[in-house]
């Protein structure tokens, strides 16, 4: 699965296209060191295939590489953070 980051001045999104369907995780950038993940959208056709979790993992790895922290407002992302204590280094 290929995941891409689309960045705009005030935020962006991580997007994955699988089996012709697009899933996304959106974020707002509050500063160069802080993003707020506010939404995860996975089409019904992709549910249960690990696409949302792959987006969350990609966001965490991106934050590590970029040196920023994440505020998890999205309920899905927040639940993933609770399941992955090893992600705490990038969670604010």
PDB file of N, CA and C in Angstrom:
ATOM      1  N   UNK A   1       0.849  -1.172   0.000  1.00  0.00           N
ATOM      2  CA  UNK A   1       0.000   0.000   0.000  1.00  0.00           C
ATOM      3  C   UNK A   1       0.897   1.239   0.000  1.00  0.00           C
ATOM      4  N   UNK A   2       0.633   2.140  -0.896  1.00  0.00           N
ATOM      5  CA  UNK A   2       1.397   3.382  -0.963  1.00  0.00           C
ATOM      6  C   UNK A   2       0.607   4.498  -0.295  1.00  0.00           C
ATOM      7  N   UNK A   3       1.279   5.204   0.607  1.00  0.00           N
ATOM      8  CA  UNK A   3       0.666   6.323   1.317  1.00  0.00           C
ATOM      9  C   UNK A   3       1.447   7.584   0.966  1.00  0.00           C
ATOM     10  N   UNK A   4       0.718   8.634   0.634  1.00  0.00           N
ATOM     11  CA  UNK A   4       1.332   9.908   0.280  1.00  0.00           C
ATOM     12  C   UNK A   4       0.899  10.988   1.252  1.00  0.00           C
ATOM     13  N   UNK A   5       1.799  11.947   1.483  1.00  0.00           N
ATOM     14  CA  UNK A   5       1.468  13.109   2.310  1.00  0.00           C
ATOM     15  C   UNK A   5       1.268  14.288   1.384  1.00  0.00           C
ATOM     16  N   UNK A   6       0.148  14.976   1.578  1.00  0.00           N
ATOM     17  CA  UNK A   6      -0.141  16.202   0.841  1.00  0.00           C
ATOM     18  C   UNK A   6      -0.132  17.335   1.850  1.00  0.00           C
ATOM     19  N   UNK A   7       0.814  18.243   1.701  1.00  0.00           N
ATOM     20  CA  UNK A   7       1.016  19.311   2.688  1.00  0.00           C
ATOM     21  C   UNK A   7       0.539  20.648   2.121  1.00  0.00           C
ATOM     22  N   UNK A   8      -0.170  21.398   2.972  1.00  0.00           N
ATOM     23  CA  UNK A   8      -0.575  22.770   2.673  1.00  0.00           C
ATOM     24  C   UNK A   8      -0.085  23.632   3.830  1.00  0.00           C
ATOM     25  N   UNK A   9      -0.094  24.941   3.692  1.00  0.00           N
ATOM     26  CA  UNK A   9       0.434  25.781   4.774  1.00  0.00           C
ATOM     27  C   UNK A   9      -0.218  25.543   6.141  1.00  0.00           C
ATOM     28  N   UNK A  10      -1.507  25.282   6.168  1.00  0.00           N
ATOM     29  CA  UNK A  10      -2.191  25.129   7.459  1.00  0.00           C
ATOM     30  C   UNK A  10      -2.438  23.680   7.858  1.00  0.00           C
ATOM     31  N   UNK A  11      -2.009  22.734   7.036  1.00  0.00           N
ATOM     32  CA  UNK A  11      -2.238  21.335   7.373  1.00  0.00           C
ATOM     33  C   UNK A  11      -2.030  20.449   6.172  1.00  0.00           C
ATOM     34  N   UNK A  12      -2.725  19.340   6.173  1.00  0.00           N
ATOM     35  CA  UNK A  12      -2.589  18.423   5.059  1.00  0.00           C
ATOM     36  C   UNK A  12      -3.295  17.117   5.317  1.00  0.00           C
ATOM     37  N   UNK A  13      -2.847  16.097   4.594  1.00  0.00           N
ATOM     38  CA  UNK A  13      -3.461  14.782   4.763  1.00  0.00           C
ATOM     39  C   UNK A  13      -2.515  13.697   4.289  1.00  0.00           C
ATOM     40  N   UNK A  14      -2.764  12.515   4.820  1.00  0.00           N
ATOM     41  CA  UNK A  14      -2.114  11.304   4.351  1.00  0.00           C
ATOM     42  C   UNK A  14      -3.189  10.555   3.568  1.00  0.00           C
ATOM     43  N   UNK A  15      -2.858  10.105   2.375  1.00  0.00           N
ATOM     44  CA  UNK A  15      -3.856   9.447   1.533  1.00  0.00           C
ATOM     45  C   UNK A  15      -3.311   8.137   0.999  1.00  0.00           C
ATOM     46  N   UNK A  16      -4.194   7.146   0.959  1.00  0.00           N
ATOM     47  CA  UNK A  16      -3.847   5.836   0.406  1.00  0.00           C
ATOM     48  C   UNK A  16      -4.967   5.405  -0.528  1.00  0.00           C
ATOM     49  N   UNK A  17      -4.603   4.919  -1.695  1.00  0.00           N
ATOM     50  CA  UNK A  17      -5.585   4.372  -2.627  1.00  0.00           C
ATOM     51  C   UNK A  17      -5.383   2.864  -2.674  1.00  0.00           C
ATOM     52  N   UNK A  18      -6.447   2.150  -2.345  1.00  0.00           N
ATOM     53  CA  UNK A  18      -6.413   0.689  -2.303  1.00  0.00           C
ATOM     54  C   UNK A  18      -7.646   0.175  -3.036  1.00  0.00           C
ATOM     55  N   UNK A  19      -7.435  -0.722  -3.979  1.00  0.00           N
ATOM     56  CA  UNK A  19      -8.540  -1.338  -4.722  1.00  0.00           C
ATOM     57  C   UNK A  19      -9.465  -0.277  -5.312  1.00  0.00           C
ATOM     58  N   UNK A  20      -8.900   0.833  -5.751  1.00  0.00           N
ATOM     59  CA  UNK A  20      -9.689   1.887  -6.375  1.00  0.00           C
ATOM     60  C   UNK A  20     -10.423   2.810  -5.411  1.00  0.00           C
ATOM     61  N   UNK A  21     -10.213   2.628  -4.110  1.00  0.00           N
ATOM     62  CA  UNK A  21     -10.856   3.461  -3.094  1.00  0.00           C
ATOM     63  C   UNK A  21      -9.785   4.269  -2.366  1.00  0.00           C
ATOM     64  N   UNK A  22     -10.148   5.510  -2.004  1.00  0.00           N
ATOM     65  CA  UNK A  22      -9.184   6.358  -1.303  1.00  0.00           C
ATOM     66  C   UNK A  22      -9.556   6.510   0.169  1.00  0.00           C
ATOM     67  N   UNK A  23      -8.564   6.315   1.020  1.00  0.00           N
ATOM     68  CA  UNK A  23      -8.711   6.546   2.459  1.00  0.00           C
ATOM     69  C   UNK A  23      -7.791   7.714   2.811  1.00  0.00           C
ATOM     70  N   UNK A  24      -8.153   8.449   3.874  1.00  0.00           N
ATOM     71  CA  UNK A  24      -7.328   9.591   4.248  1.00  0.00           C
ATOM     72  C   UNK A  24      -7.321   9.821   5.745  1.00  0.00           C
ATOM     73  N   UNK A  25      -6.261  10.483   6.181  1.00  0.00           N
ATOM     74  CA  UNK A  25      -6.137  10.953   7.557  1.00  0.00           C
ATOM     75  C   UNK A  25      -5.712  12.416   7.429  1.00  0.00           C
ATOM     76  N   UNK A  26      -6.519  13.328   7.978  1.00  0.00           N
ATOM     77  CA  UNK A  26      -6.235  14.750   7.822  1.00  0.00           C
ATOM     78  C   UNK A  26      -5.667  15.336   9.103  1.00  0.00           C
ATOM     79  N   UNK A  27      -4.917  16.411   8.932  1.00  0.00           N
ATOM     80  CA  UNK A  27      -4.310  17.073  10.087  1.00  0.00           C
ATOM     81  C   UNK A  27      -4.223  18.572   9.858  1.00  0.00           C
ATOM     82  N   UNK A  28      -4.167  19.298  10.967  1.00  0.00           N
ATOM     83  CA  UNK A  28      -3.929  20.740  10.964  1.00  0.00           C
ATOM     84  C   UNK A  28      -2.559  20.960  11.572  1.00  0.00           C
ATOM     85  N   UNK A  29      -1.816  21.886  11.013  1.00  0.00           N
ATOM     86  CA  UNK A  29      -0.485  22.204  11.549  1.00  0.00           C
ATOM     87  C   UNK A  29      -0.606  23.477  12.375  1.00  0.00           C
ATOM     88  N   UNK A  30      -0.304  23.357  13.666  1.00  0.00           N
ATOM     89  CA  UNK A  30      -0.375  24.524  14.552  1.00  0.00           C
ATOM     90  C   UNK A  30       0.960  25.243  14.636  1.00  0.00           C
ATOM     91  N   UNK A  31       2.045  24.520  14.346  1.00  0.00           N
ATOM     92  CA  UNK A  31       3.390  25.092  14.324  1.00  0.00           C
ATOM     93  C   UNK A  31       4.281  24.101  13.580  1.00  0.00           C
ATOM     94  N   UNK A  32       5.528  24.483  13.288  1.00  0.00           N
ATOM     95  CA  UNK A  32       6.419  23.520  12.633  1.00  0.00           C
ATOM     96  C   UNK A  32       6.660  22.271  13.483  1.00  0.00           C
ATOM     97  N   UNK A  33       6.418  22.353  14.798  1.00  0.00           N
ATOM     98  CA  UNK A  33       6.682  21.221  15.689  1.00  0.00           C
ATOM     99  C   UNK A  33       5.425  20.499  16.174  1.00  0.00           C
ATOM    100  N   UNK A  34       4.236  20.897  15.680  1.00  0.00           N
ATOM    101  CA  UNK A  34       3.012  20.313  16.224  1.00  0.00           C
ATOM    102  C   UNK A  34       1.912  20.200  15.168  1.00  0.00           C
ATOM    103  N   UNK A  35       1.307  19.003  15.071  1.00  0.00           N
ATOM    104  CA  UNK A  35       0.147  18.795  14.207  1.00  0.00           C
ATOM    105  C   UNK A  35      -0.989  18.198  15.036  1.00  0.00           C
ATOM    106  N   UNK A  36      -2.204  18.445  14.584  1.00  0.00           N
ATOM    107  CA  UNK A  36      -3.401  17.880  15.203  1.00  0.00           C
ATOM    108  C   UNK A  36      -4.037  16.950  14.171  1.00  0.00           C
ATOM    109  N   UNK A  37      -4.062  15.664  14.466  1.00  0.00           N
ATOM    110  CA  UNK A  37      -4.776  14.730  13.578  1.00  0.00           C
ATOM    111  C   UNK A  37      -6.242  14.789  13.971  1.00  0.00           C
ATOM    112  N   UNK A  38      -7.069  15.213  12.994  1.00  0.00           N
ATOM    113  CA  UNK A  38      -8.462  15.504  13.316  1.00  0.00           C
ATOM    114  C   UNK A  38      -9.490  14.611  12.631  1.00  0.00           C
ATOM    115  N   UNK A  39      -9.065  13.804  11.661  1.00  0.00           N
ATOM    116  CA  UNK A  39     -10.058  12.981  10.957  1.00  0.00           C
ATOM    117  C   UNK A  39      -9.377  11.810  10.256  1.00  0.00           C
ATOM    118  N   UNK A  40     -10.033  10.662  10.305  1.00  0.00           N
ATOM    119  CA  UNK A  40      -9.627   9.509   9.502  1.00  0.00           C
ATOM    120  C   UNK A  40     -10.864   9.036   8.756  1.00  0.00           C
ATOM    121  N   UNK A  41     -10.739   8.927   7.448  1.00  0.00           N
ATOM    122  CA  UNK A  41     -11.847   8.461   6.623  1.00  0.00           C
ATOM    123  C   UNK A  41     -11.434   7.254   5.816  1.00  0.00           C
ATOM    124  N   UNK A  42     -12.108   6.129   6.064  1.00  0.00           N
ATOM    125  CA  UNK A  42     -11.835   4.894   5.334  1.00  0.00           C
ATOM    126  C   UNK A  42     -13.162   4.420   4.743  1.00  0.00           C
ATOM    127  N   UNK A  43     -13.251   4.292   3.417  1.00  0.00           N
ATOM    128  CA  UNK A  43     -14.499   3.824   2.807  1.00  0.00           C
ATOM    129  C   UNK A  43     -14.882   2.439   3.318  1.00  0.00           C
ATOM    130  N   UNK A  44     -16.174   2.183   3.343  1.00  0.00           N
ATOM    131  CA  UNK A  44     -16.677   0.885   3.813  1.00  0.00           C
ATOM    132  C   UNK A  44     -16.003  -0.287   3.091  1.00  0.00           C
ATOM    133  N   UNK A  45     -15.711  -0.121   1.809  1.00  0.00           N
ATOM    134  CA  UNK A  45     -15.109  -1.206   1.034  1.00  0.00           C
ATOM    135  C   UNK A  45     -13.722  -1.589   1.553  1.00  0.00           C
ATOM    136  N   UNK A  46     -13.082  -0.690   2.305  1.00  0.00           N
ATOM    137  CA  UNK A  46     -11.736  -0.967   2.812  1.00  0.00           C
ATOM    138  C   UNK A  46     -11.700  -1.286   4.296  1.00  0.00           C
ATOM    139  N   UNK A  47     -12.833  -1.250   4.958  1.00  0.00           N
ATOM    140  CA  UNK A  47     -12.849  -1.504   6.398  1.00  0.00           C
ATOM    141  C   UNK A  47     -12.382  -2.918   6.697  1.00  0.00           C
ATOM    142  N   UNK A  48     -11.620  -3.032   7.780  1.00  0.00           N
ATOM    143  CA  UNK A  48     -11.121  -4.337   8.200  1.00  0.00           C
ATOM    144  C   UNK A  48      -9.879  -4.803   7.451  1.00  0.00           C
ATOM    145  N   UNK A  49      -9.311  -3.941   6.609  1.00  0.00           N
ATOM    146  CA  UNK A  49      -8.140  -4.319   5.818  1.00  0.00           C
ATOM    147  C   UNK A  49      -6.866  -3.655   6.315  1.00  0.00           C
ATOM    148  N   UNK A  50      -6.939  -2.965   7.460  1.00  0.00           N
ATOM    149  CA  UNK A  50      -5.742  -2.372   8.047  1.00  0.00           C
ATOM    150  C   UNK A  50      -5.315  -1.053   7.430  1.00  0.00           C
ATOM    151  N   UNK A  51      -6.168  -0.461   6.610  1.00  0.00           N
ATOM    152  CA  UNK A  51      -5.801   0.777   5.931  1.00  0.00           C
ATOM    153  C   UNK A  51      -5.707   1.934   6.926  1.00  0.00           C
ATOM    154  N   UNK A  52      -6.670   2.049   7.818  1.00  0.00           N
ATOM    155  CA  UNK A  52      -6.633   3.109   8.826  1.00  0.00           C
ATOM    156  C   UNK A  52      -5.409   2.985   9.717  1.00  0.00           C
ATOM    157  N   UNK A  53      -5.094   1.783  10.135  1.00  0.00           N
ATOM    158  CA  UNK A  53      -3.919   1.570  10.976  1.00  0.00           C
ATOM    159  C   UNK A  53      -2.643   1.910  10.213  1.00  0.00           C
ATOM    160  N   UNK A  54      -2.595   1.576   8.925  1.00  0.00           N
ATOM    161  CA  UNK A  54      -1.419   1.912   8.118  1.00  0.00           C
ATOM    162  C   UNK A  54      -1.248   3.422   8.014  1.00  0.00           C
ATOM    163  N   UNK A  55      -2.356   4.154   7.873  1.00  0.00           N
ATOM    164  CA  UNK A  55      -2.287   5.619   7.837  1.00  0.00           C
ATOM    165  C   UNK A  55      -1.762   6.161   9.163  1.00  0.00           C
ATOM    166  N   UNK A  56      -2.264   5.613  10.270  1.00  0.00           N
ATOM    167  CA  UNK A  56      -1.825   6.063  11.595  1.00  0.00           C
ATOM    168  C   UNK A  56      -0.336   5.804  11.786  1.00  0.00           C
ATOM    169  N   UNK A  57       0.122   4.626  11.419  1.00  0.00           N
ATOM    170  CA  UNK A  57       1.538   4.290  11.564  1.00  0.00           C
ATOM    171  C   UNK A  57       2.402   5.207  10.700  1.00  0.00           C
ATOM    172  N   UNK A  58       1.938   5.493   9.498  1.00  0.00           N
ATOM    173  CA  UNK A  58       2.669   6.388   8.603  1.00  0.00           C
ATOM    174  C   UNK A  58       2.780   7.778   9.218  1.00  0.00           C
ATOM    175  N   UNK A  59       1.684   8.272   9.821  1.00  0.00           N
ATOM    176  CA  UNK A  59       1.702   9.591  10.458  1.00  0.00           C
ATOM    177  C   UNK A  59       2.710   9.628  11.601  1.00  0.00           C
ATOM    178  N   UNK A  60       2.759   8.576  12.391  1.00  0.00           N
ATOM    179  CA  UNK A  60       3.711   8.505  13.508  1.00  0.00           C
ATOM    180  C   UNK A  60       5.148   8.501  12.983  1.00  0.00           C
ATOM    181  N   UNK A  61       5.416   7.692  11.976  1.00  0.00           N
ATOM    182  CA  UNK A  61       6.763   7.639  11.407  1.00  0.00           C
ATOM    183  C   UNK A  61       7.145   8.980  10.778  1.00  0.00           C
ATOM    184  N   UNK A  62       6.182   9.639  10.138  1.00  0.00           N
ATOM    185  CA  UNK A  62       6.429  10.940   9.538  1.00  0.00           C
ATOM    186  C   UNK A  62       6.772  11.970  10.614  1.00  0.00           C
ATOM    187  N   UNK A  63       6.060  11.921  11.737  1.00  0.00           N
ATOM    188  CA  UNK A  63       6.336  12.838  12.849  1.00  0.00           C
ATOM    189  C   UNK A  63       7.732  12.582  13.420  1.00  0.00           C
ATOM    190  N   UNK A  64       8.101  11.340  13.548  1.00  0.00           N
ATOM    191  CA  UNK A  64       9.451  11.020  14.049  1.00  0.00           C
ATOM    192  C   UNK A  64      10.520  11.581  13.119  1.00  0.00           C
ATOM    193  N   UNK A  65      10.341  11.339  11.826  1.00  0.00           N
ATOM    194  CA  UNK A  65      11.319  11.817  10.853  1.00  0.00           C
ATOM    195  C   UNK A  65      11.353  13.345  10.786  1.00  0.00           C
ATOM    196  N   UNK A  66      10.183  13.987  10.927  1.00  0.00           N
ATOM    197  CA  UNK A  66      10.096  15.441  10.826  1.00  0.00           C
ATOM    198  C   UNK A  66      10.389  16.172  12.119  1.00  0.00           C
ATOM    199  N   UNK A  67      10.436  15.438  13.236  1.00  0.00           N
ATOM    200  CA  UNK A  67      10.730  16.050  14.521  1.00  0.00           C
ATOM    201  C   UNK A  67       9.582  16.847  15.112  1.00  0.00           C
ATOM    202  N   UNK A  68       8.348  16.416  14.841  1.00  0.00           N
ATOM    203  CA  UNK A  68       7.204  17.102  15.436  1.00  0.00           C
ATOM    204  C   UNK A  68       6.373  16.155  16.293  1.00  0.00           C
ATOM    205  N   UNK A  69       5.446  16.737  17.036  1.00  0.00           N
ATOM    206  CA  UNK A  69       4.537  15.988  17.914  1.00  0.00           C
ATOM    207  C   UNK A  69       3.136  16.010  17.318  1.00  0.00           C
ATOM    208  N   UNK A  70       2.315  15.067  17.779  1.00  0.00           N
ATOM    209  CA  UNK A  70       0.935  14.928  17.306  1.00  0.00           C
ATOM    210  C   UNK A  70      -0.023  15.051  18.481  1.00  0.00           C
ATOM    211  N   UNK A  71      -1.059  15.873  18.289  1.00  0.00           N
ATOM    212  CA  UNK A  71      -2.192  15.902  19.216  1.00  0.00           C
ATOM    213  C   UNK A  71      -3.285  15.053  18.555  1.00  0.00           C
ATOM    214  N   UNK A  72      -3.704  13.961  19.183  1.00  0.00           N
ATOM    215  CA  UNK A  72      -4.683  13.066  18.568  1.00  0.00           C
ATOM    216  C   UNK A  72      -6.137  13.445  18.908  1.00  0.00           C
ATOM    217  N   UNK A  73      -6.774  14.239  18.059  1.00  0.00           N
ATOM    218  CA  UNK A  73      -8.186  14.578  18.277  1.00  0.00           C
ATOM    219  C   UNK A  73      -9.130  13.593  17.597  1.00  0.00           C
ATOM    220  N   UNK A  74      -8.692  12.982  16.528  1.00  0.00           N
ATOM    221  CA  UNK A  74      -9.509  12.008  15.800  1.00  0.00           C
ATOM    222  C   UNK A  74      -9.734  10.778  16.687  1.00  0.00           C
ATOM    223  N   UNK A  75     -10.991  10.364  16.879  1.00  0.00           N
ATOM    224  CA  UNK A  75     -11.265   9.200  17.728  1.00  0.00           C
ATOM    225  C   UNK A  75     -10.550   7.925  17.268  1.00  0.00           C
ATOM    226  N   UNK A  76     -10.474   7.699  15.967  1.00  0.00           N
ATOM    227  CA  UNK A  76      -9.787   6.503  15.474  1.00  0.00           C
ATOM    228  C   UNK A  76      -8.306   6.566  15.811  1.00  0.00           C
ATOM    229  N   UNK A  77      -7.676   7.702  15.518  1.00  0.00           N
ATOM    230  CA  UNK A  77      -6.240   7.823  15.789  1.00  0.00           C
ATOM    231  C   UNK A  77      -5.975   7.723  17.286  1.00  0.00           C
ATOM    232  N   UNK A  78      -6.836   8.330  18.080  1.00  0.00           N
ATOM    233  CA  UNK A  78      -6.685   8.268  19.545  1.00  0.00           C
ATOM    234  C   UNK A  78      -6.728   6.813  20.017  1.00  0.00           C
ATOM    235  N   UNK A  79      -7.631   6.017  19.463  1.00  0.00           N
ATOM    236  CA  UNK A  79      -7.728   4.597  19.823  1.00  0.00           C
ATOM    237  C   UNK A  79      -6.468   3.843  19.406  1.00  0.00           C
ATOM    238  N   UNK A  80      -5.910   4.183  18.253  1.00  0.00           N
ATOM    239  CA  UNK A  80      -4.674   3.533  17.810  1.00  0.00           C
ATOM    240  C   UNK A  80      -3.517   3.874  18.747  1.00  0.00           C
ATOM    241  N   UNK A  81      -3.463   5.113  19.201  1.00  0.00           N
ATOM    242  CA  UNK A  81      -2.411   5.532  20.136  1.00  0.00           C
ATOM    243  C   UNK A  81      -2.492   4.712  21.425  1.00  0.00           C
ATOM    244  N   UNK A  82      -3.711   4.449  21.908  1.00  0.00           N
ATOM    245  CA  UNK A  82      -3.884   3.656  23.124  1.00  0.00           C
ATOM    246  C   UNK A  82      -3.409   2.215  22.920  1.00  0.00           C
ATOM    247  N   UNK A  83      -3.530   1.708  21.696  1.00  0.00           N
ATOM    248  CA  UNK A  83      -3.091   0.331  21.394  1.00  0.00           C
ATOM    249  C   UNK A  83      -1.594   0.228  21.136  1.00  0.00           C
ATOM    250  N   UNK A  84      -0.949   1.374  20.925  1.00  0.00           N
ATOM    251  CA  UNK A  84       0.472   1.377  20.562  1.00  0.00           C
ATOM    252  C   UNK A  84       1.266   2.289  21.498  1.00  0.00           C
ATOM    253  N   UNK A  85       1.584   1.810  22.693  1.00  0.00           N
ATOM    254  CA  UNK A  85       2.342   2.640  23.638  1.00  0.00           C
ATOM    255  C   UNK A  85       3.711   3.047  23.104  1.00  0.00           C
ATOM    256  N   UNK A  86       4.225   2.325  22.127  1.00  0.00           N
ATOM    257  CA  UNK A  86       5.528   2.663  21.545  1.00  0.00           C
ATOM    258  C   UNK A  86       5.474   3.950  20.708  1.00  0.00           C
ATOM    259  N   UNK A  87       4.293   4.478  20.499  1.00  0.00           N
ATOM    260  CA  UNK A  87       4.137   5.729  19.756  1.00  0.00           C
ATOM    261  C   UNK A  87       4.195   6.960  20.659  1.00  0.00           C
ATOM    262  N   UNK A  88       4.257   6.765  21.945  1.00  0.00           N
ATOM    263  CA  UNK A  88       4.168   7.882  22.898  1.00  0.00           C
ATOM    264  C   UNK A  88       5.241   8.958  22.684  1.00  0.00           C
ATOM    265  N   UNK A  89       6.347   8.603  22.068  1.00  0.00           N
ATOM    266  CA  UNK A  89       7.411   9.592  21.866  1.00  0.00           C
ATOM    267  C   UNK A  89       6.989  10.751  20.960  1.00  0.00           C
ATOM    268  N   UNK A  90       5.951  10.568  20.142  1.00  0.00           N
ATOM    269  CA  UNK A  90       5.502  11.653  19.260  1.00  0.00           C
ATOM    270  C   UNK A  90       4.123  12.189  19.625  1.00  0.00           C
ATOM    271  N   UNK A  91       3.546  11.699  20.719  1.00  0.00           N
ATOM    272  CA  UNK A  91       2.198  12.122  21.119  1.00  0.00           C
ATOM    273  C   UNK A  91       2.319  13.228  22.194  1.00  0.00           C
ATOM    274  N   UNK A  92       1.544  14.275  21.999  1.00  0.00           N
ATOM    275  CA  UNK A  92       1.546  15.396  22.961  1.00  0.00           C
ATOM    276  C   UNK A  92       0.294  15.312  23.802  1.00  0.00           C
TER     277      UNK A  92
END
